[in-house]
Amino acid sequence: QVQLVESGGGLVPAGGSLRLSCVASGRAVSGYYVAWFRQSPGKEREFVANIGWNGVDIYVDSVKGRFIISRDNAKNTVYLQMNSLKLEDTALYSCGAGLGSGYTSWGQGTQVTVSS
């Protein structure tokens, strides 16, 4: 099973940008689909974006046009470029990976805090 470690979170002013990284180890991530999720205190975990093994990406409506998910299989890494950040983007961001039936590997998450 692949292991995932996220990084790149931090404190950023509204309108700013961050790039999150999800680094995989243990297995090549090239055959996996990988997604970013986020969770704020008191809220359910929310799907943010997913990228397939073939590079096809999908996004939740609230981040379309602002976030970009990408993958670098040579580095075994998936990225989430977040632009035009809003206060409501504040959350713990985690990545998940799967091969077929759901996401079976998860990272611990990286905190993103957007300030006014």
C-alpha atoms as a PDB file:
ATOM      1  CA  GLN A   1       0.000   0.000   0.000  1.00  0.00           C
ATOM      2  CA  VAL A   2       1.240   3.466  -0.766  1.00  0.00           C
ATOM      3  CA  GLN A   3       2.071   5.858   2.089  1.00  0.00           C
ATOM      4  CA  LEU A   4       1.260   9.552   1.711  1.00  0.00           C
ATOM      5  CA  VAL A   5       2.741  12.647   3.344  1.00  0.00           C
ATOM      6  CA  GLU A   6       1.351  16.139   2.774  1.00  0.00           C
ATOM      7  CA  SER A   7       3.221  19.415   3.091  1.00  0.00           C
ATOM      8  CA  GLY A   8       3.009  23.022   2.005  1.00  0.00           C
ATOM      9  CA  GLY A   9       0.287  24.315   4.271  1.00  0.00           C
ATOM     10  CA  GLY A  10       0.567  27.520   6.250  1.00  0.00           C
ATOM     11  CA  LEU A  11      -0.889  30.919   7.003  1.00  0.00           C
ATOM     12  CA  VAL A  12      -1.699  33.041   3.969  1.00  0.00           C
ATOM     13  CA  PRO A  13      -3.683  36.254   3.501  1.00  0.00           C
ATOM     14  CA  ALA A  14      -6.923  36.186   1.554  1.00  0.00           C
ATOM     15  CA  GLY A  15      -6.186  36.400  -2.150  1.00  0.00           C
ATOM     16  CA  GLY A  16      -2.853  34.677  -1.747  1.00  0.00           C
ATOM     17  CA  SER A  17      -1.577  31.345  -3.032  1.00  0.00           C
ATOM     18  CA  LEU A  18      -0.169  28.120  -1.678  1.00  0.00           C
ATOM     19  CA  ARG A  19       1.000  24.896  -3.260  1.00  0.00           C
ATOM     20  CA  LEU A  20       0.404  21.689  -1.374  1.00  0.00           C
ATOM     21  CA  SER A  21       2.388  18.529  -2.035  1.00  0.00           C
ATOM     22  CA  CYS A  22       1.366  14.918  -1.479  1.00  0.00           C
ATOM     23  CA  VAL A  23       4.457  12.718  -1.622  1.00  0.00           C
ATOM     24  CA  ALA A  24       3.951   8.987  -2.008  1.00  0.00           C
ATOM     25  CA  SER A  25       6.276   6.210  -0.904  1.00  0.00           C
ATOM     26  CA  GLY A  26       6.204   2.455  -0.807  1.00  0.00           C
ATOM     27  CA  ARG A  27       4.762   2.087  -4.286  1.00  0.00           C
ATOM     28  CA  ALA A  28       4.682   4.077  -7.492  1.00  0.00           C
ATOM     29  CA  VAL A  29       1.725   6.439  -7.434  1.00  0.00           C
ATOM     30  CA  SER A  30       1.481   6.514 -11.231  1.00  0.00           C
ATOM     31  CA  GLY A  31      -1.275   3.907 -11.354  1.00  0.00           C
ATOM     32  CA  TYR A  32      -3.350   5.500  -8.597  1.00  0.00           C
ATOM     33  CA  TYR A  33      -6.003   8.140  -8.706  1.00  0.00           C
ATOM     34  CA  VAL A  34      -5.251  10.734  -6.043  1.00  0.00           C
ATOM     35  CA  ALA A  35      -7.523  13.284  -4.448  1.00  0.00           C
ATOM     36  CA  TRP A  36      -7.352  16.188  -2.076  1.00  0.00           C
ATOM     37  CA  PHE A  37      -9.930  16.531   0.669  1.00  0.00           C
ATOM     38  CA  ARG A  38     -10.355  19.156   3.365  1.00  0.00           C
ATOM     39  CA  GLN A  39     -12.007  19.345   6.721  1.00  0.00           C
ATOM     40  CA  SER A  40     -12.812  22.325   8.918  1.00  0.00           C
ATOM     41  CA  PRO A  41     -13.692  22.060  12.624  1.00  0.00           C
ATOM     42  CA  GLY A  42     -17.289  20.954  13.054  1.00  0.00           C
ATOM     43  CA  LYS A  43     -17.733  20.134   9.368  1.00  0.00           C
ATOM     44  CA  GLU A  44     -17.715  16.965   7.308  1.00  0.00           C
ATOM     45  CA  ARG A  45     -14.696  16.122   5.199  1.00  0.00           C
ATOM     46  CA  GLU A  46     -15.148  17.673   1.778  1.00  0.00           C
ATOM     47  CA  PHE A  47     -13.855  16.484  -1.579  1.00  0.00           C
ATOM     48  CA  VAL A  48     -11.745  19.165  -3.281  1.00  0.00           C
ATOM     49  CA  ALA A  49     -10.132  17.673  -6.399  1.00  0.00           C
ATOM     50  CA  ASN A  50      -9.103  14.373  -7.944  1.00  0.00           C
ATOM     51  CA  ILE A  51      -6.617  13.453 -10.642  1.00  0.00           C
ATOM     52  CA  GLY A  52      -6.767  10.130 -12.439  1.00  0.00           C
ATOM     53  CA  TRP A  53      -3.870   7.982 -13.487  1.00  0.00           C
ATOM     54  CA  ASN A  54      -4.373   9.459 -16.974  1.00  0.00           C
ATOM     55  CA  GLY A  55      -4.226  13.051 -15.723  1.00  0.00           C
ATOM     56  CA  VAL A  56      -7.929  13.769 -15.983  1.00  0.00           C
ATOM     57  CA  ASP A  57      -8.923  16.120 -13.173  1.00  0.00           C
ATOM     58  CA  ILE A  58     -12.192  17.036 -11.489  1.00  0.00           C
ATOM     59  CA  TYR A  59     -12.981  19.696  -8.886  1.00  0.00           C
ATOM     60  CA  VAL A  60     -15.653  20.685  -6.446  1.00  0.00           C
ATOM     61  CA  ASP A  61     -17.495  23.733  -7.781  1.00  0.00           C
ATOM     62  CA  SER A  62     -16.262  26.040  -5.022  1.00  0.00           C
ATOM     63  CA  VAL A  63     -12.614  25.769  -6.156  1.00  0.00           C
ATOM     64  CA  LYS A  64     -13.025  25.595  -9.936  1.00  0.00           C
ATOM     65  CA  GLY A  65     -10.912  28.252 -11.626  1.00  0.00           C
ATOM     66  CA  ARG A  66      -8.832  28.785  -8.471  1.00  0.00           C
ATOM     67  CA  PHE A  67      -7.245  25.417  -7.662  1.00  0.00           C
ATOM     68  CA  ILE A  68      -5.244  23.150  -9.939  1.00  0.00           C
ATOM     69  CA  ILE A  69      -4.381  19.538  -9.186  1.00  0.00           C
ATOM     70  CA  SER A  70      -1.407  18.017 -10.988  1.00  0.00           C
ATOM     71  CA  ARG A  71       0.909  15.063 -10.704  1.00  0.00           C
ATOM     72  CA  ASP A  72       4.589  14.394 -11.305  1.00  0.00           C
ATOM     73  CA  ASN A  73       4.950  10.636 -11.460  1.00  0.00           C
ATOM     74  CA  ALA A  74       8.741  10.884 -11.687  1.00  0.00           C
ATOM     75  CA  LYS A  75       8.688  12.504  -8.235  1.00  0.00           C
ATOM     76  CA  ASN A  76       5.842  10.292  -6.982  1.00  0.00           C
ATOM     77  CA  THR A  77       4.053  13.495  -6.019  1.00  0.00           C
ATOM     78  CA  VAL A  78       0.653  15.100  -6.502  1.00  0.00           C
ATOM     79  CA  TYR A  79       0.246  18.847  -6.077  1.00  0.00           C
ATOM     80  CA  LEU A  80      -2.602  21.195  -5.327  1.00  0.00           C
ATOM     81  CA  GLN A  81      -1.965  24.754  -6.479  1.00  0.00           C
ATOM     82  CA  MET A  82      -4.359  27.016  -4.635  1.00  0.00           C
ATOM     83  CA  ASN A  83      -4.834  30.577  -5.899  1.00  0.00           C
ATOM     84  CA  SER A  84      -7.136  33.425  -4.888  1.00  0.00           C
ATOM     85  CA  LEU A  85      -7.574  31.856  -1.479  1.00  0.00           C
ATOM     86  CA  LYS A  86     -10.644  32.740   0.537  1.00  0.00           C
ATOM     87  CA  LEU A  87     -11.361  32.621   4.248  1.00  0.00           C
ATOM     88  CA  GLU A  88     -13.624  29.627   3.658  1.00  0.00           C
ATOM     89  CA  ASP A  89     -10.695  27.642   2.251  1.00  0.00           C
ATOM     90  CA  THR A  90      -9.268  27.388   5.756  1.00  0.00           C
ATOM     91  CA  ALA A  91      -9.096  23.684   6.633  1.00  0.00           C
ATOM     92  CA  LEU A  92      -6.913  20.644   7.177  1.00  0.00           C
ATOM     93  CA  TYR A  93      -6.062  19.357   3.707  1.00  0.00           C
ATOM     94  CA  SER A  94      -5.398  15.660   3.218  1.00  0.00           C
ATOM     95  CA  CYS A  95      -4.638  13.536   0.205  1.00  0.00           C
ATOM     96  CA  GLY A  96      -6.014  10.100  -0.506  1.00  0.00           C
ATOM     97  CA  ALA A  97      -5.075   7.513  -3.114  1.00  0.00           C
ATOM     98  CA  GLY A  98      -6.840   4.516  -4.587  1.00  0.00           C
ATOM     99  CA  LEU A  99      -6.674   1.979  -7.358  1.00  0.00           C
ATOM    100  CA  GLY A 100     -10.284   0.989  -7.836  1.00  0.00           C
ATOM    101  CA  SER A 101     -12.776   0.947  -5.009  1.00  0.00           C
ATOM    102  CA  GLY A 102     -12.394   4.154  -3.096  1.00  0.00           C
ATOM    103  CA  TYR A 103      -9.414   5.792  -1.457  1.00  0.00           C
ATOM    104  CA  THR A 104      -7.431   3.262   0.539  1.00  0.00           C
ATOM    105  CA  SER A 105      -4.387   5.281   1.558  1.00  0.00           C
ATOM    106  CA  TRP A 106      -4.458   8.582   3.441  1.00  0.00           C
ATOM    107  CA  GLY A 107      -1.976  11.116   4.691  1.00  0.00           C
ATOM    108  CA  GLN A 108      -2.091  12.980   8.000  1.00  0.00           C
ATOM    109  CA  GLY A 109      -2.891  16.328   6.464  1.00  0.00           C
ATOM    110  CA  THR A 110      -1.470  19.828   6.298  1.00  0.00           C
ATOM    111  CA  GLN A 111      -3.196  22.878   7.767  1.00  0.00           C
ATOM    112  CA  VAL A 112      -4.134  25.811   5.568  1.00  0.00           C
ATOM    113  CA  THR A 113      -5.255  28.990   7.276  1.00  0.00           C
ATOM    114  CA  VAL A 114      -6.424  31.984   5.272  1.00  0.00           C
ATOM    115  CA  SER A 115      -6.451  35.295   7.127  1.00  0.00           C
ATOM    116  CA  SER A 116      -8.427  38.452   6.415  1.00  0.00           C
END
